[in-house]
Amino acid sequence: MVRRKGTRTEPALGIPRFSVMGTYAHAIGRQETRQVLSRYLEEGHPRHIVTLNVDFLHQADASPSFKQLLNTADLTVLDGKPLVWAAKYLGFSQSERVTGPDLIDTCAELSAREGHRIFFLGGSDGVAAQAKELIERRHPGVQICGVYAPPRADYPLPREINEEILGRIRDAKPDILFVAFGCPKQELWIRDHAESLGITIAAGIGGSFNFITGLTPRAPGLMQDFGLEWLYRLCVEPKRLWRRYLCADLPLVFKLAVLQLAGQVRSLRRPVIEIVS
């Protein structure tokens, strides 16, 4: 969350939260997400939106500091079927998957209607610009005030790259910033810079520009419904994704299921999945 020291994190406008292995998420659907984003834009205070998936959980489990960063986000949407299932298991039937492209479409709709300015940061060279053109066709009147894909670099970014990013954003004066650096770099960058730039909504959206442009194809609808998009993507990009999905994400999903069942049967430990507010 982009918030000054000494303030307290509260649930997003009354939306309930739950915890998966100590990482918080909001039990929220797409329509409620739209309402929350609209309210944030009306209020004008800096807000950090996280698109939580299993890879985030894996990294948070390995890094307490990153988990703390995620747990102070203003809104954490469920970008993964296992998280939606966890929410529904706890009784939050309204929960739905909300992806990075969903957030972009929602904010583009609000921009076209109310004039909010949007900036696309990150992604591969040229892809964010293509995404801008497609979003402008889909939402006539949308105000996309800037696009910049900086050279790839580890975080913290080299000074010259970071200063170029900051300068472009300051000149564009966006209300909404989408950062496609990948996890955890995008969340770290938002934490360190979004508030000083006067951004109302800042969200890390990973590979969303690739999905919008079709550079990375989406799984068929049924595979998405059954939580098998990871398998589709693994078949499409095996060299890039096999380690993430087979060695990190999939074992973590099984671990969650086993630990939750063990906690229920033995009542020996705090639940792995639980309501927190």
Protein backbone atom coordinates (compact mmCIF):
# COMPACT_ATOMS: atom_id res chain seq x y z
CA MET A 1 0.00 0.00 0.00
CA VAL A 2 1.14 3.49 -0.73
CA ARG A 3 0.68 4.99 2.74
CA ARG A 4 2.58 7.26 5.08
CA LYS A 5 4.07 5.92 8.27
CA GLY A 6 1.85 5.98 11.32
CA THR A 7 -1.41 5.20 9.50
CA ARG A 8 -3.38 1.99 9.79
CA THR A 9 -4.50 -0.42 7.10
CA GLU A 10 -8.24 -1.05 6.94
CA PRO A 11 -10.37 -3.33 4.76
CA ALA A 12 -11.30 -1.84 1.38
CA LEU A 13 -14.62 -0.06 2.00
CA GLY A 14 -15.96 -2.85 4.15
CA ILE A 15 -14.95 -5.71 1.82
CA PRO A 16 -14.05 -8.76 4.00
CA ARG A 17 -10.52 -10.13 3.96
CA PHE A 18 -9.17 -13.60 4.42
CA SER A 19 -5.70 -15.04 4.92
CA VAL A 20 -3.90 -17.76 2.98
CA MET A 21 -0.71 -18.77 4.80
CA GLY A 22 -0.64 -15.35 6.41
CA THR A 23 -1.08 -13.38 3.17
CA TYR A 24 -4.27 -11.29 3.05
CA ALA A 25 -6.73 -11.02 0.18
CA HIS A 26 -10.13 -9.41 -0.28
CA ALA A 27 -13.19 -11.58 -0.93
CA ILE A 28 -14.44 -9.51 -3.85
CA GLY A 29 -16.05 -9.86 -7.26
CA ARG A 30 -15.69 -7.85 -10.45
CA GLN A 31 -18.64 -5.52 -9.85
CA GLU A 32 -17.56 -4.74 -6.29
CA THR A 33 -14.03 -4.12 -7.57
CA ARG A 34 -15.39 -1.55 -10.00
CA GLN A 35 -17.27 0.19 -7.19
CA VAL A 36 -14.18 0.29 -4.97
CA LEU A 37 -11.98 1.69 -7.75
CA SER A 38 -14.57 4.34 -8.57
CA ARG A 39 -14.70 5.36 -4.92
CA TYR A 40 -10.90 5.51 -4.70
CA LEU A 41 -10.80 7.82 -7.72
CA GLU A 42 -13.43 10.07 -6.15
CA GLU A 43 -11.44 10.29 -2.91
CA GLY A 44 -8.12 10.94 -4.64
CA HIS A 45 -5.90 9.37 -1.96
CA PRO A 46 -2.94 7.14 -2.99
CA ARG A 47 -4.01 3.49 -3.25
CA HIS A 48 -2.06 0.32 -4.03
CA ILE A 49 -3.89 -2.54 -5.76
CA VAL A 50 -2.42 -6.06 -5.76
CA THR A 51 -3.44 -8.81 -8.20
CA LEU A 52 -2.74 -11.81 -6.00
CA ASN A 53 -1.98 -15.23 -7.46
CA VAL A 54 -0.23 -18.41 -6.33
CA ASP A 55 3.17 -17.12 -7.43
CA PHE A 56 2.73 -14.13 -5.10
CA LEU A 57 1.92 -16.55 -2.26
CA HIS A 58 5.05 -18.56 -2.99
CA GLN A 59 7.24 -15.46 -2.88
CA ALA A 60 5.48 -14.12 0.22
CA ASP A 61 6.02 -17.45 1.99
CA ALA A 62 9.76 -17.11 1.33
CA SER A 63 10.00 -13.41 2.24
CA PRO A 64 8.37 -11.93 5.36
CA SER A 65 9.12 -8.40 4.14
CA PHE A 66 7.34 -9.03 0.84
CA LYS A 67 4.40 -10.59 2.71
CA GLN A 68 4.20 -7.44 4.83
CA LEU A 69 4.17 -5.31 1.69
CA LEU A 70 1.27 -7.34 0.27
CA ASN A 71 -0.62 -7.23 3.55
CA THR A 72 -0.59 -3.44 3.58
CA ALA A 73 -2.17 -3.12 0.12
CA ASP A 74 -5.40 -1.13 -0.06
CA LEU A 75 -7.11 -3.73 -2.25
CA THR A 76 -5.98 -7.26 -3.07
CA VAL A 77 -8.00 -8.92 -5.82
CA LEU A 78 -7.97 -12.65 -6.59
CA ASP A 79 -6.03 -13.30 -9.78
CA GLY A 80 -6.14 -17.09 -9.55
CA LYS A 81 -8.76 -19.81 -9.23
CA PRO A 82 -7.17 -21.43 -6.13
CA LEU A 83 -7.67 -18.13 -4.28
CA VAL A 84 -11.28 -17.88 -5.45
CA TRP A 85 -11.85 -21.44 -4.22
CA ALA A 86 -10.29 -20.52 -0.87
CA ALA A 87 -12.66 -17.55 -0.53
CA LYS A 88 -15.69 -19.64 -1.42
CA TYR A 89 -14.55 -22.32 1.04
CA LEU A 90 -14.80 -19.66 3.74
CA GLY A 91 -18.33 -18.77 2.62
CA PHE A 92 -17.62 -15.71 0.45
CA SER A 93 -19.77 -16.74 -2.50
CA GLN A 94 -19.46 -13.30 -4.16
CA SER A 95 -15.74 -13.83 -4.83
CA GLU A 96 -14.58 -13.90 -8.45
CA ARG A 97 -11.32 -13.92 -10.32
CA VAL A 98 -10.18 -10.37 -11.16
CA THR A 99 -7.17 -10.24 -13.47
CA GLY A 100 -4.82 -7.46 -14.52
CA PRO A 101 -6.66 -7.05 -17.87
CA ASP A 102 -9.92 -6.84 -15.90
CA LEU A 103 -8.51 -3.95 -13.85
CA ILE A 104 -7.29 -2.19 -16.99
CA ASP A 105 -10.69 -2.54 -18.68
CA THR A 106 -12.51 -1.29 -15.58
CA CYS A 107 -10.26 1.74 -15.18
CA ALA A 108 -10.46 2.45 -18.93
CA GLU A 109 -14.26 2.50 -18.66
CA LEU A 110 -14.06 4.91 -15.71
CA SER A 111 -11.50 7.02 -17.59
CA ALA A 112 -13.70 7.30 -20.68
CA ARG A 113 -16.65 8.34 -18.56
CA GLU A 114 -14.97 10.61 -16.02
CA GLY A 115 -11.69 11.73 -17.63
CA HIS A 116 -9.19 9.95 -15.37
CA ARG A 117 -5.72 9.76 -16.88
CA ILE A 118 -3.94 6.39 -17.23
CA PHE A 119 -0.24 5.56 -17.69
CA PHE A 120 1.12 2.17 -18.87
CA LEU A 121 4.60 1.38 -17.48
CA GLY A 122 6.65 -1.70 -18.33
CA GLY A 123 6.17 -4.73 -20.53
CA SER A 124 8.21 -5.66 -23.57
CA ASP A 125 9.22 -2.97 -26.03
CA GLY A 126 6.22 -1.94 -28.15
CA VAL A 127 3.69 -4.22 -26.43
CA ALA A 128 2.28 -1.60 -24.04
CA ALA A 129 1.84 0.78 -27.00
CA GLN A 130 -0.14 -1.91 -28.83
CA ALA A 131 -2.22 -2.48 -25.71
CA LYS A 132 -2.91 1.27 -25.58
CA GLU A 133 -4.25 1.23 -29.14
CA LEU A 134 -6.50 -1.74 -28.44
CA ILE A 135 -7.86 -0.26 -25.21
CA GLU A 136 -8.56 3.04 -27.00
CA ARG A 137 -10.59 1.18 -29.62
CA ARG A 138 -12.46 -0.78 -26.95
CA HIS A 139 -13.18 2.28 -24.78
CA PRO A 140 -13.61 5.41 -26.94
CA GLY A 141 -12.69 8.49 -24.97
CA VAL A 142 -10.29 6.74 -22.60
CA GLN A 143 -7.42 9.02 -21.49
CA ILE A 144 -4.17 7.03 -21.76
CA CYS A 145 -1.70 9.83 -21.21
CA GLY A 146 1.57 7.88 -21.44
CA VAL A 147 3.29 4.60 -22.25
CA TYR A 148 6.87 3.69 -21.41
CA ALA A 149 8.73 0.37 -21.50
CA PRO A 150 12.10 0.97 -19.77
CA PRO A 151 15.13 -1.26 -20.28
CA ARG A 152 14.97 -4.44 -18.21
CA ALA A 153 16.93 -4.29 -14.98
CA ASP A 154 16.89 -5.77 -11.49
CA TYR A 155 15.40 -3.85 -8.59
CA PRO A 156 16.35 -1.32 -7.35
CA LEU A 157 16.59 0.08 -10.86
CA PRO A 158 19.74 1.90 -11.99
CA ARG A 159 19.45 5.61 -11.24
CA GLU A 160 19.35 6.76 -14.86
CA ILE A 161 16.53 4.34 -15.74
CA ASN A 162 14.51 5.24 -12.68
CA GLU A 163 14.90 8.97 -13.23
CA GLU A 164 13.68 8.58 -16.80
CA ILE A 165 10.60 6.71 -15.57
CA LEU A 166 9.84 9.27 -12.88
CA GLY A 167 10.28 12.17 -15.29
CA ARG A 168 7.90 10.72 -17.86
CA ILE A 169 5.24 10.02 -15.25
CA ARG A 170 5.54 13.47 -13.67
CA ASP A 171 5.15 15.08 -17.11
CA ALA A 172 2.07 12.94 -17.93
CA LYS A 173 0.34 13.50 -14.55
CA PRO A 174 -1.72 10.29 -14.50
CA ASP A 175 -4.38 9.40 -11.96
CA ILE A 176 -3.95 5.66 -12.59
CA LEU A 177 -0.67 3.80 -13.09
CA PHE A 178 -0.37 0.21 -14.30
CA VAL A 179 3.08 -1.29 -13.73
CA ALA A 180 4.08 -4.39 -15.69
CA PHE A 181 7.47 -5.25 -14.17
CA GLY A 182 6.50 -8.66 -12.82
CA CYS A 183 6.39 -9.80 -9.21
CA PRO A 184 7.91 -8.66 -6.87
CA LYS A 185 9.64 -5.81 -8.71
CA GLN A 186 6.41 -4.01 -9.64
CA GLU A 187 5.13 -4.06 -6.04
CA LEU A 188 8.45 -2.80 -4.71
CA TRP A 189 8.54 0.02 -7.25
CA ILE A 190 4.97 1.07 -6.44
CA ARG A 191 5.75 1.06 -2.72
CA ASP A 192 8.78 3.27 -3.20
CA HIS A 193 7.49 5.79 -5.76
CA ALA A 194 3.75 5.93 -6.40
CA GLU A 195 2.77 8.22 -3.52
CA SER A 196 5.46 10.80 -4.26
CA LEU A 197 4.19 10.94 -7.85
CA GLY A 198 0.65 11.76 -6.73
CA ILE A 199 -0.85 8.59 -8.22
CA THR A 200 -4.37 7.81 -6.99
CA ILE A 201 -4.44 4.15 -8.11
CA ALA A 202 -1.26 2.15 -8.72
CA ALA A 203 -1.50 -1.53 -9.65
CA GLY A 204 1.04 -4.16 -10.62
CA ILE A 205 -0.37 -6.12 -13.55
CA GLY A 206 2.45 -8.49 -14.59
CA GLY A 207 2.01 -9.79 -18.15
CA SER A 208 -1.36 -8.13 -18.77
CA PHE A 209 -0.18 -6.16 -21.81
CA ASN A 210 0.80 -9.47 -23.43
CA PHE A 211 -2.68 -10.88 -22.79
CA ILE A 212 -4.45 -7.76 -24.10
CA THR A 213 -2.47 -7.79 -27.35
CA GLY A 214 -2.70 -11.56 -27.80
CA LEU A 215 1.07 -11.99 -27.61
CA THR A 216 0.33 -14.47 -24.81
CA PRO A 217 -2.89 -16.35 -25.67
CA ARG A 218 -5.51 -16.91 -22.98
CA ALA A 219 -6.69 -20.41 -22.15
CA PRO A 220 -10.12 -21.51 -23.38
CA GLY A 221 -12.96 -20.49 -21.10
CA LEU A 222 -13.55 -23.96 -19.65
CA MET A 223 -9.90 -24.34 -18.70
CA GLN A 224 -10.05 -20.97 -16.93
CA ASP A 225 -13.26 -21.98 -15.14
CA PHE A 226 -11.66 -25.18 -13.84
CA GLY A 227 -8.45 -23.48 -12.76
CA LEU A 228 -6.34 -25.01 -15.53
CA GLU A 229 -5.05 -21.89 -17.24
CA TRP A 230 -1.62 -22.64 -15.75
CA LEU A 231 -1.57 -25.93 -17.70
CA TYR A 232 -2.48 -24.18 -20.93
CA ARG A 233 0.22 -21.55 -20.42
CA LEU A 234 2.75 -24.26 -19.54
CA CYS A 235 2.02 -25.98 -22.86
CA VAL A 236 2.39 -22.67 -24.73
CA GLU A 237 5.58 -21.50 -22.95
CA PRO A 238 7.19 -24.60 -21.39
CA LYS A 239 10.77 -23.31 -21.30
CA ARG A 240 9.85 -20.11 -19.50
CA LEU A 241 7.19 -21.40 -17.11
CA TRP A 242 7.98 -25.02 -16.21
CA ARG A 243 10.07 -24.13 -13.17
CA ARG A 244 7.54 -21.62 -11.81
CA TYR A 245 4.48 -23.84 -12.23
CA LEU A 246 5.88 -27.32 -11.58
CA CYS A 247 8.51 -26.53 -8.95
CA ALA A 248 6.88 -23.64 -7.06
CA ASP A 249 3.19 -22.93 -7.68
CA LEU A 250 1.73 -26.43 -8.03
CA PRO A 251 3.49 -27.85 -4.92
CA LEU A 252 2.29 -24.83 -2.94
CA VAL A 253 -1.35 -25.48 -3.92
CA PHE A 254 -1.06 -29.10 -2.75
CA LYS A 255 0.67 -27.95 0.44
CA LEU A 256 -2.20 -25.55 1.17
CA ALA A 257 -4.79 -28.28 0.71
CA VAL A 258 -2.92 -30.78 2.88
CA LEU A 259 -2.20 -28.32 5.69
CA GLN A 260 -5.75 -27.04 5.73
CA LEU A 261 -7.13 -30.59 5.93
CA ALA A 262 -4.66 -31.52 8.66
CA GLY A 263 -5.61 -28.44 10.65
CA GLN A 264 -9.30 -29.32 10.41
CA VAL A 265 -8.86 -32.98 11.36
CA ARG A 266 -6.34 -32.59 14.17
CA SER A 267 -7.21 -29.09 15.38
CA LEU A 268 -3.52 -28.74 16.25
CA ARG A 269 -2.70 -25.52 14.47
CA ARG A 270 -4.10 -22.22 13.33
CA PRO A 271 -5.98 -22.68 10.03
CA VAL A 272 -3.95 -22.08 6.87
CA ILE A 273 -6.96 -20.41 5.27
CA GLU A 274 -9.02 -18.17 7.57
CA ILE A 275 -11.09 -15.02 7.80
CA VAL A 276 -9.10 -12.09 9.16
CA SER A 277 -11.56 -9.18 8.93
